[in-house]
Amino acid sequence: MAGDTQAMWALAAGCVPDAMPWDIPRIAQKAGFLSSGMWVEPATTWSSDALSKTRLSLAETGISLVDVEVIWLEGGGQASDEHKLIVDVGLELGARNVLVVSRHKDLTASVDQFRDICERAGDAIRICLEFGEFTNIKNLDAAQSFVESVNHPTAGILIDLMHINRAGNPLPDLESSLYPYLQACDFYQDSSEMTGMDYITAAVDGRCCLGEGEARQKDLEQICQSGKDVSLEIRSKDLRDMFPDPFARGEEIFNRCSRDKF
């Protein structure tokens, strides 16, 4: 797999949605992180020179990428040009994972499309399905069934602490290779009853730093002590309002979300 074997404790790209992709490694490095996530959005910020700018940023900071995101499953049963671009960028930048979300209406076609993406990736990067209330694959059981149908060694599942709480599933055996990396955050339990846009708003605006919300203590402990790669998905409107400078926000997240806190 890409990268070394040291477990990552990464600043997720979603923490700094106001930053250009090539600035995310610089934000992470200044904050004290050794790794980060990466947005790859061909329709908006991923311009023709984005790859070279981001490659330079990674080289200058020494930051490693836990993932590139996001591939949306939709349309037909084969990988689209956009899907292929995101996988190729992940490979080029040495990311460990590609984050995939399904809004596909056809389960069989979505399985075929996911498998096609895995074939594109080969064995150099994991292709990880994120399940959740906001997707067409809403819980861990459905995600496990989906990946079993894909039947490809590159396929994995991303566990997001807020989404698995909403789904009502307990944390699985995190040491399983089925779960290459995890998304950690804290959150409030009213999100466990939300649906539709209410839940999406909570997921992109209402998360908080570890130990500052209502997530189960034992779940936070299990994730922090797992030894797995962890992406800190602290998507918080409060933090964006208090720290409009993404560099300052990254430092705040680093200081308030130590892995040895649990």
C-alpha atoms as a PDB file:
ATOM      1  CA  MET A   1       0.000   0.000   0.000  1.00  0.00           C
ATOM      2  CA  ALA A   2       1.016   3.627  -0.447  1.00  0.00           C
ATOM      3  CA  GLY A   3       2.972   5.341   2.284  1.00  0.00           C
ATOM      4  CA  ASP A   4       4.806   3.908   5.268  1.00  0.00           C
ATOM      5  CA  THR A   5       3.323   1.768   8.025  1.00  0.00           C
ATOM      6  CA  GLN A   6       3.072   4.425  10.730  1.00  0.00           C
ATOM      7  CA  ALA A   7      -0.535   4.992  11.759  1.00  0.00           C
ATOM      8  CA  MET A   8      -1.825   8.355  10.564  1.00  0.00           C
ATOM      9  CA  TRP A   9      -3.554  10.982  12.670  1.00  0.00           C
ATOM     10  CA  ALA A  10      -4.756  13.254   9.916  1.00  0.00           C
ATOM     11  CA  LEU A  11      -6.528  16.561   9.393  1.00  0.00           C
ATOM     12  CA  ALA A  12      -9.512  15.711   7.176  1.00  0.00           C
ATOM     13  CA  ALA A  13     -10.083  17.922   4.153  1.00  0.00           C
ATOM     14  CA  GLY A  14     -13.596  18.601   5.460  1.00  0.00           C
ATOM     15  CA  CYS A  15     -12.165  20.578   8.373  1.00  0.00           C
ATOM     16  CA  VAL A  16     -11.031  23.270   5.952  1.00  0.00           C
ATOM     17  CA  PRO A  17     -13.617  23.369   3.136  1.00  0.00           C
ATOM     18  CA  ASP A  18     -12.622  26.977   2.454  1.00  0.00           C
ATOM     19  CA  ALA A  19      -9.023  26.026   1.544  1.00  0.00           C
ATOM     20  CA  MET A  20      -7.693  25.210  -1.901  1.00  0.00           C
ATOM     21  CA  PRO A  21      -6.492  21.611  -2.207  1.00  0.00           C
ATOM     22  CA  TRP A  22      -2.789  22.467  -2.353  1.00  0.00           C
ATOM     23  CA  ASP A  23      -3.106  24.566   0.819  1.00  0.00           C
ATOM     24  CA  ILE A  24      -4.450  21.672   2.906  1.00  0.00           C
ATOM     25  CA  PRO A  25      -1.007  20.045   3.456  1.00  0.00           C
ATOM     26  CA  ARG A  26       0.419  23.437   4.458  1.00  0.00           C
ATOM     27  CA  ILE A  27      -2.435  23.974   6.931  1.00  0.00           C
ATOM     28  CA  ALA A  28      -1.909  20.488   8.368  1.00  0.00           C
ATOM     29  CA  GLN A  29       1.869  20.885   8.633  1.00  0.00           C
ATOM     30  CA  LYS A  30       1.636  24.289  10.347  1.00  0.00           C
ATOM     31  CA  ALA A  31      -0.865  22.859  12.838  1.00  0.00           C
ATOM     32  CA  GLY A  32       1.457  19.989  13.783  1.00  0.00           C
ATOM     33  CA  PHE A  33      -0.063  17.131  11.785  1.00  0.00           C
ATOM     34  CA  LEU A  34       2.011  14.673   9.769  1.00  0.00           C
ATOM     35  CA  SER A  35      -0.882  13.748   7.486  1.00  0.00           C
ATOM     36  CA  SER A  36      -4.054  15.117   5.959  1.00  0.00           C
ATOM     37  CA  GLY A  37      -6.877  14.327   3.599  1.00  0.00           C
ATOM     38  CA  MET A  38      -7.341  15.876   0.168  1.00  0.00           C
ATOM     39  CA  TRP A  39     -10.277  17.251  -1.832  1.00  0.00           C
ATOM     40  CA  VAL A  40     -10.308  16.338  -5.521  1.00  0.00           C
ATOM     41  CA  GLU A  41     -13.256  18.159  -7.104  1.00  0.00           C
ATOM     42  CA  PRO A  42     -12.798  18.277 -10.891  1.00  0.00           C
ATOM     43  CA  ALA A  43     -15.821  20.536 -11.393  1.00  0.00           C
ATOM     44  CA  THR A  44     -14.556  23.280  -9.085  1.00  0.00           C
ATOM     45  CA  THR A  45     -11.103  23.530  -7.518  1.00  0.00           C
ATOM     46  CA  TRP A  46      -9.204  20.764  -9.331  1.00  0.00           C
ATOM     47  CA  SER A  47      -7.848  22.832 -12.235  1.00  0.00           C
ATOM     48  CA  SER A  48      -5.271  21.721 -14.796  1.00  0.00           C
ATOM     49  CA  ASP A  49      -2.343  22.734 -12.571  1.00  0.00           C
ATOM     50  CA  ALA A  50      -3.837  21.455  -9.294  1.00  0.00           C
ATOM     51  CA  LEU A  51      -1.886  18.196  -9.382  1.00  0.00           C
ATOM     52  CA  SER A  52       1.498  19.886  -9.748  1.00  0.00           C
ATOM     53  CA  LYS A  53       0.662  22.473  -7.070  1.00  0.00           C
ATOM     54  CA  THR A  54      -0.480  19.781  -4.665  1.00  0.00           C
ATOM     55  CA  ARG A  55       2.491  17.536  -5.383  1.00  0.00           C
ATOM     56  CA  LEU A  56       4.814  20.468  -4.600  1.00  0.00           C
ATOM     57  CA  SER A  57       2.910  21.245  -1.395  1.00  0.00           C
ATOM     58  CA  LEU A  58       3.248  17.657  -0.214  1.00  0.00           C
ATOM     59  CA  ALA A  59       6.957  17.595  -1.048  1.00  0.00           C
ATOM     60  CA  GLU A  60       7.647  20.843   0.789  1.00  0.00           C
ATOM     61  CA  THR A  61       5.680  19.943   3.906  1.00  0.00           C
ATOM     62  CA  GLY A  62       6.372  16.205   4.161  1.00  0.00           C
ATOM     63  CA  ILE A  63       2.653  15.615   4.705  1.00  0.00           C
ATOM     64  CA  SER A  64       1.279  12.173   3.759  1.00  0.00           C
ATOM     65  CA  LEU A  65      -2.290  11.710   2.552  1.00  0.00           C
ATOM     66  CA  VAL A  66      -4.712   9.456   4.379  1.00  0.00           C
ATOM     67  CA  ASP A  67      -7.230   9.794   1.531  1.00  0.00           C
ATOM     68  CA  VAL A  68      -8.524  11.633  -1.493  1.00  0.00           C
ATOM     69  CA  GLU A  69     -12.231  12.389  -1.739  1.00  0.00           C
ATOM     70  CA  VAL A  70     -14.849  12.076  -2.919  1.00  0.00           C
ATOM     71  CA  ILE A  71     -16.075   9.625  -5.562  1.00  0.00           C
ATOM     72  CA  TRP A  72     -19.871   9.510  -5.886  1.00  0.00           C
ATOM     73  CA  LEU A  73     -21.330   6.283  -7.254  1.00  0.00           C
ATOM     74  CA  GLU A  74     -24.070   7.173  -9.744  1.00  0.00           C
ATOM     75  CA  GLY A  75     -25.058   6.737 -13.371  1.00  0.00           C
ATOM     76  CA  GLY A  76     -24.025   3.477 -15.017  1.00  0.00           C
ATOM     77  CA  GLY A  77     -22.053   0.415 -14.053  1.00  0.00           C
ATOM     78  CA  GLN A  78     -18.583   1.583 -15.032  1.00  0.00           C
ATOM     79  CA  ALA A  79     -16.140   4.101 -13.617  1.00  0.00           C
ATOM     80  CA  SER A  80     -16.607   7.556 -15.136  1.00  0.00           C
ATOM     81  CA  ASP A  81     -13.781   9.787 -16.321  1.00  0.00           C
ATOM     82  CA  GLU A  82     -14.139  11.779 -13.094  1.00  0.00           C
ATOM     83  CA  HIS A  83     -13.886   8.611 -10.995  1.00  0.00           C
ATOM     84  CA  LYS A  84     -10.754   7.595 -12.889  1.00  0.00           C
ATOM     85  CA  LEU A  85      -9.221  11.040 -12.399  1.00  0.00           C
ATOM     86  CA  ILE A  86      -9.740  10.912  -8.633  1.00  0.00           C
ATOM     87  CA  VAL A  87      -8.214   7.435  -8.392  1.00  0.00           C
ATOM     88  CA  ASP A  88      -5.267   8.486 -10.562  1.00  0.00           C
ATOM     89  CA  VAL A  89      -4.680  11.580  -8.420  1.00  0.00           C
ATOM     90  CA  GLY A  90      -4.728   9.434  -5.287  1.00  0.00           C
ATOM     91  CA  LEU A  91      -2.166   7.096  -6.836  1.00  0.00           C
ATOM     92  CA  GLU A  92       0.015   9.970  -8.035  1.00  0.00           C
ATOM     93  CA  LEU A  93       0.002  11.658  -4.617  1.00  0.00           C
ATOM     94  CA  GLY A  94       0.577   8.455  -2.651  1.00  0.00           C
ATOM     95  CA  ALA A  95      -2.715   8.546  -0.743  1.00  0.00           C
ATOM     96  CA  ARG A  96      -3.621   5.434   1.206  1.00  0.00           C
ATOM     97  CA  ASN A  97      -7.351   5.498   0.463  1.00  0.00           C
ATOM     98  CA  VAL A  98     -10.038   6.828  -1.844  1.00  0.00           C
ATOM     99  CA  LEU A  99     -13.336   7.774  -0.169  1.00  0.00           C
ATOM    100  CA  VAL A 100     -16.442   6.631  -2.053  1.00  0.00           C
ATOM    101  CA  VAL A 101     -20.104   7.452  -1.363  1.00  0.00           C
ATOM    102  CA  SER A 102     -23.130   5.992  -3.146  1.00  0.00           C
ATOM    103  CA  ARG A 103     -26.110   7.884  -4.430  1.00  0.00           C
ATOM    104  CA  HIS A 104     -26.682   5.236  -7.097  1.00  0.00           C
ATOM    105  CA  LYS A 105     -30.303   4.163  -7.505  1.00  0.00           C
ATOM    106  CA  ASP A 106     -29.351   0.753  -8.951  1.00  0.00           C
ATOM    107  CA  LEU A 107     -27.619  -1.525  -6.443  1.00  0.00           C
ATOM    108  CA  THR A 108     -26.289  -3.961  -9.037  1.00  0.00           C
ATOM    109  CA  ALA A 109     -24.896  -1.143 -11.194  1.00  0.00           C
ATOM    110  CA  SER A 110     -23.333   0.515  -8.152  1.00  0.00           C
ATOM    111  CA  VAL A 111     -21.563  -2.730  -7.203  1.00  0.00           C
ATOM    112  CA  ASP A 112     -20.261  -3.065 -10.758  1.00  0.00           C
ATOM    113  CA  GLN A 113     -19.117   0.561 -10.783  1.00  0.00           C
ATOM    114  CA  PHE A 114     -17.332   0.189  -7.450  1.00  0.00           C
ATOM    115  CA  ARG A 115     -15.595  -2.966  -8.703  1.00  0.00           C
ATOM    116  CA  ASP A 116     -14.509  -1.112 -11.855  1.00  0.00           C
ATOM    117  CA  ILE A 117     -13.010   1.622  -9.673  1.00  0.00           C
ATOM    118  CA  CYS A 118     -11.168  -1.026  -7.664  1.00  0.00           C
ATOM    119  CA  GLU A 119      -9.770  -2.492 -10.886  1.00  0.00           C
ATOM    120  CA  ARG A 120      -8.501   0.962 -11.816  1.00  0.00           C
ATOM    121  CA  ALA A 121      -6.783   1.270  -8.433  1.00  0.00           C
ATOM    122  CA  GLY A 122      -5.093  -2.119  -8.453  1.00  0.00           C
ATOM    123  CA  ASP A 123      -3.413  -2.947  -5.148  1.00  0.00           C
ATOM    124  CA  ALA A 124      -1.687   0.408  -4.556  1.00  0.00           C
ATOM    125  CA  ILE A 125      -4.564   2.183  -2.809  1.00  0.00           C
ATOM    126  CA  ARG A 126      -7.727   1.113  -0.956  1.00  0.00           C
ATOM    127  CA  ILE A 127     -11.173   2.058  -2.278  1.00  0.00           C
ATOM    128  CA  CYS A 128     -13.346   2.655   0.783  1.00  0.00           C
ATOM    129  CA  LEU A 129     -17.122   2.940   0.943  1.00  0.00           C
ATOM    130  CA  GLU A 130     -18.490   5.475   3.407  1.00  0.00           C
ATOM    131  CA  PHE A 131     -21.992   4.565   4.573  1.00  0.00           C
ATOM    132  CA  GLY A 132     -24.430   6.864   6.309  1.00  0.00           C
ATOM    133  CA  GLU A 133     -27.924   8.296   6.555  1.00  0.00           C
ATOM    134  CA  PHE A 134     -27.161  10.723   3.713  1.00  0.00           C
ATOM    135  CA  THR A 135     -26.226   7.937   1.261  1.00  0.00           C
ATOM    136  CA  ASN A 136     -28.017   5.028  -0.390  1.00  0.00           C
ATOM    137  CA  ILE A 137     -26.054   2.646   1.857  1.00  0.00           C
ATOM    138  CA  LYS A 138     -27.162   3.718   5.301  1.00  0.00           C
ATOM    139  CA  ASN A 139     -25.648   1.301   7.814  1.00  0.00           C
ATOM    140  CA  LEU A 140     -22.754  -1.040   8.440  1.00  0.00           C
ATOM    141  CA  ASP A 141     -24.701  -4.192   7.594  1.00  0.00           C
ATOM    142  CA  ALA A 142     -25.587  -2.808   4.163  1.00  0.00           C
ATOM    143  CA  ALA A 143     -21.991  -1.681   3.624  1.00  0.00           C
ATOM    144  CA  GLN A 144     -20.632  -5.106   4.513  1.00  0.00           C
ATOM    145  CA  SER A 145     -23.092  -6.772   2.150  1.00  0.00           C
ATOM    146  CA  PHE A 146     -22.137  -4.315  -0.597  1.00  0.00           C
ATOM    147  CA  VAL A 147     -18.397  -4.931  -0.254  1.00  0.00           C
ATOM    148  CA  GLU A 148     -18.973  -8.691  -0.157  1.00  0.00           C
ATOM    149  CA  SER A 149     -20.812  -8.354  -3.482  1.00  0.00           C
ATOM    150  CA  VAL A 150     -17.954  -6.291  -4.930  1.00  0.00           C
ATOM    151  CA  ASN A 151     -15.605  -9.144  -3.978  1.00  0.00           C
ATOM    152  CA  HIS A 152     -12.349  -7.306  -4.662  1.00  0.00           C
ATOM    153  CA  PRO A 153      -9.304  -7.177  -2.337  1.00  0.00           C
ATOM    154  CA  THR A 154      -8.958  -3.419  -2.799  1.00  0.00           C
ATOM    155  CA  ALA A 155     -12.479  -2.746  -1.476  1.00  0.00           C
ATOM    156  CA  GLY A 156     -12.902  -1.553   2.104  1.00  0.00           C
ATOM    157  CA  ILE A 157     -15.287   0.288   4.392  1.00  0.00           C
ATOM    158  CA  LEU A 158     -14.696   3.647   6.038  1.00  0.00           C
ATOM    159  CA  ILE A 159     -16.109   3.887   9.559  1.00  0.00           C
ATOM    160  CA  ASP A 160     -17.247   7.416  10.457  1.00  0.00           C
ATOM    161  CA  LEU A 161     -18.085   7.703  14.144  1.00  0.00           C
ATOM    162  CA  MET A 162     -21.036  10.042  13.646  1.00  0.00           C
ATOM    163  CA  HIS A 163     -22.545   7.980  10.830  1.00  0.00           C
ATOM    164  CA  ILE A 164     -22.255   4.644  12.608  1.00  0.00           C
ATOM    165  CA  ASN A 165     -23.884   6.198  15.666  1.00  0.00           C
ATOM    166  CA  ARG A 166     -26.776   7.437  13.505  1.00  0.00           C
ATOM    167  CA  ALA A 167     -27.089   3.961  11.949  1.00  0.00           C
ATOM    168  CA  GLY A 168     -27.419   2.374  15.375  1.00  0.00           C
ATOM    169  CA  ASN A 169     -24.558  -0.052  14.761  1.00  0.00           C
ATOM    170  CA  PRO A 170     -21.887  -0.810  17.371  1.00  0.00           C
ATOM    171  CA  LEU A 171     -18.287  -0.401  16.324  1.00  0.00           C
ATOM    172  CA  PRO A 172     -17.050  -3.585  14.620  1.00  0.00           C
ATOM    173  CA  ASP A 173     -13.661  -5.221  15.126  1.00  0.00           C
ATOM    174  CA  LEU A 174     -11.542  -2.295  13.988  1.00  0.00           C
ATOM    175  CA  GLU A 175      -8.477  -4.484  13.567  1.00  0.00           C
ATOM    176  CA  SER A 176     -10.114  -6.162  10.575  1.00  0.00           C
ATOM    177  CA  SER A 177      -8.503  -5.325   7.234  1.00  0.00           C
ATOM    178  CA  LEU A 178     -12.017  -4.568   5.967  1.00  0.00           C
ATOM    179  CA  TYR A 179     -11.679  -1.168   7.700  1.00  0.00           C
ATOM    180  CA  PRO A 180      -8.476   0.482   6.419  1.00  0.00           C
ATOM    181  CA  TYR A 181      -9.101   3.789   8.178  1.00  0.00           C
ATOM    182  CA  LEU A 182     -11.542   5.618  10.424  1.00  0.00           C
ATOM    183  CA  GLN A 183     -13.088   9.082  10.648  1.00  0.00           C
ATOM    184  CA  ALA A 184     -13.172  10.423  14.188  1.00  0.00           C
ATOM    185  CA  CYS A 185     -15.128  13.328  15.608  1.00  0.00           C
ATOM    186  CA  ASP A 186     -17.448  14.185  18.459  1.00  0.00           C
ATOM    187  CA  PHE A 187     -21.083  15.145  17.956  1.00  0.00           C
ATOM    188  CA  TYR A 188     -24.418  15.627  19.700  1.00  0.00           C
ATOM    189  CA  GLN A 189     -26.889  12.786  20.078  1.00  0.00           C
ATOM    190  CA  ASP A 190     -29.821  14.723  18.618  1.00  0.00           C
ATOM    191  CA  SER A 191     -28.245  13.916  15.234  1.00  0.00           C
ATOM    192  CA  SER A 192     -29.143  10.248  15.773  1.00  0.00           C
ATOM    193  CA  GLU A 193     -32.810  11.088  15.109  1.00  0.00           C
ATOM    194  CA  MET A 194     -32.254  13.338  12.098  1.00  0.00           C
ATOM    195  CA  THR A 195     -32.975  12.524   8.457  1.00  0.00           C
ATOM    196  CA  GLY A 196     -32.570  14.223   5.086  1.00  0.00           C
ATOM    197  CA  MET A 197     -31.103  17.714   4.972  1.00  0.00           C
ATOM    198  CA  ASP A 198     -31.248  18.034   8.760  1.00  0.00           C
ATOM    199  CA  TYR A 199     -28.752  15.205   9.108  1.00  0.00           C
ATOM    200  CA  ILE A 200     -26.562  16.469   6.274  1.00  0.00           C
ATOM    201  CA  THR A 201     -26.400  19.891   7.953  1.00  0.00           C
ATOM    202  CA  ALA A 202     -25.443  18.277  11.259  1.00  0.00           C
ATOM    203  CA  ALA A 203     -22.745  16.211   9.527  1.00  0.00           C
ATOM    204  CA  VAL A 204     -21.120  19.140   7.709  1.00  0.00           C
ATOM    205  CA  ASP A 205     -21.668  21.864  10.328  1.00  0.00           C
ATOM    206  CA  GLY A 206     -22.411  20.308  13.708  1.00  0.00           C
ATOM    207  CA  ARG A 207     -19.449  18.133  14.640  1.00  0.00           C
ATOM    208  CA  CYS A 208     -17.051  19.066  17.428  1.00  0.00           C
ATOM    209  CA  CYS A 209     -13.620  18.223  18.796  1.00  0.00           C
ATOM    210  CA  LEU A 210     -13.006  14.936  20.585  1.00  0.00           C
ATOM    211  CA  GLY A 211     -14.366  14.843  24.119  1.00  0.00           C
ATOM    212  CA  GLU A 212     -16.490  17.983  23.648  1.00  0.00           C
ATOM    213  CA  GLY A 213     -19.754  16.392  22.528  1.00  0.00           C
ATOM    214  CA  GLU A 214     -21.909  13.387  23.349  1.00  0.00           C
ATOM    215  CA  ALA A 215     -20.213  10.517  21.520  1.00  0.00           C
ATOM    216  CA  ARG A 216     -19.830   7.389  23.611  1.00  0.00           C
ATOM    217  CA  GLN A 217     -16.577   7.527  25.545  1.00  0.00           C
ATOM    218  CA  LYS A 218     -15.833   3.880  24.836  1.00  0.00           C
ATOM    219  CA  ASP A 219     -16.161   4.476  21.077  1.00  0.00           C
ATOM    220  CA  LEU A 220     -13.720   7.379  21.198  1.00  0.00           C
ATOM    221  CA  GLU A 221     -11.332   5.252  23.234  1.00  0.00           C
ATOM    222  CA  GLN A 222     -11.635   2.331  20.833  1.00  0.00           C
ATOM    223  CA  ILE A 223     -10.876   4.498  17.801  1.00  0.00           C
ATOM    224  CA  CYS A 224      -7.997   6.404  19.394  1.00  0.00           C
ATOM    225  CA  GLN A 225      -6.408   3.227  20.751  1.00  0.00           C
ATOM    226  CA  SER A 226      -6.975   1.163  17.623  1.00  0.00           C
ATOM    227  CA  GLY A 227      -3.649   1.808  15.943  1.00  0.00           C
ATOM    228  CA  LYS A 228      -5.544   2.409  12.682  1.00  0.00           C
ATOM    229  CA  ASP A 229      -5.181   5.428  10.412  1.00  0.00           C
ATOM    230  CA  VAL A 230      -7.579   8.090  11.696  1.00  0.00           C
ATOM    231  CA  SER A 231      -8.857  11.119   9.816  1.00  0.00           C
ATOM    232  CA  LEU A 232     -10.204  13.842  12.105  1.00  0.00           C
ATOM    233  CA  GLU A 233     -13.478  14.829  10.475  1.00  0.00           C
ATOM    234  CA  ILE A 234     -14.168  17.909  12.623  1.00  0.00           C
ATOM    235  CA  ARG A 235     -16.616  19.657  10.319  1.00  0.00           C
ATOM    236  CA  SER A 236     -17.838  22.518  12.481  1.00  0.00           C
ATOM    237  CA  LYS A 237     -19.567  25.795  11.633  1.00  0.00           C
ATOM    238  CA  ASP A 238     -18.707  27.021  15.144  1.00  0.00           C
ATOM    239  CA  LEU A 239     -15.006  26.478  14.484  1.00  0.00           C
ATOM    240  CA  ARG A 240     -15.252  28.066  11.039  1.00  0.00           C
ATOM    241  CA  ASP A 241     -16.940  31.116  12.581  1.00  0.00           C
ATOM    242  CA  MET A 242     -14.479  31.383  15.481  1.00  0.00           C
ATOM    243  CA  PHE A 243     -11.433  30.659  13.336  1.00  0.00           C
ATOM    244  CA  PRO A 244     -12.123  31.976   9.817  1.00  0.00           C
ATOM    245  CA  ASP A 245      -8.445  31.547   8.973  1.00  0.00           C
ATOM    246  CA  PRO A 246      -8.103  27.834   8.073  1.00  0.00           C
ATOM    247  CA  PHE A 247      -4.497  27.830   9.325  1.00  0.00           C
ATOM    248  CA  ALA A 248      -5.649  28.935  12.780  1.00  0.00           C
ATOM    249  CA  ARG A 249      -8.521  26.446  12.648  1.00  0.00           C
ATOM    250  CA  GLY A 250      -6.159  23.595  11.843  1.00  0.00           C
ATOM    251  CA  GLU A 251      -4.020  24.475  14.856  1.00  0.00           C
ATOM    252  CA  GLU A 252      -7.088  24.593  17.089  1.00  0.00           C
ATOM    253  CA  ILE A 253      -8.189  21.125  15.941  1.00  0.00           C
ATOM    254  CA  PHE A 254      -4.699  19.723  16.460  1.00  0.00           C
ATOM    255  CA  ASN A 255      -4.486  21.159  19.979  1.00  0.00           C
ATOM    256  CA  ARG A 256      -7.944  19.940  21.010  1.00  0.00           C
ATOM    257  CA  CYS A 257      -7.851  16.485  19.408  1.00  0.00           C
ATOM    258  CA  SER A 258      -4.816  14.624  20.695  1.00  0.00           C
ATOM    259  CA  ARG A 259      -4.818  10.887  20.008  1.00  0.00           C
ATOM    260  CA  ASP A 260      -3.565  10.175  23.528  1.00  0.00           C
ATOM    261  CA  LYS A 261      -6.523  12.058  25.013  1.00  0.00           C
ATOM    262  CA  PHE A 262      -8.337   8.717  25.319  1.00  0.00           C
END
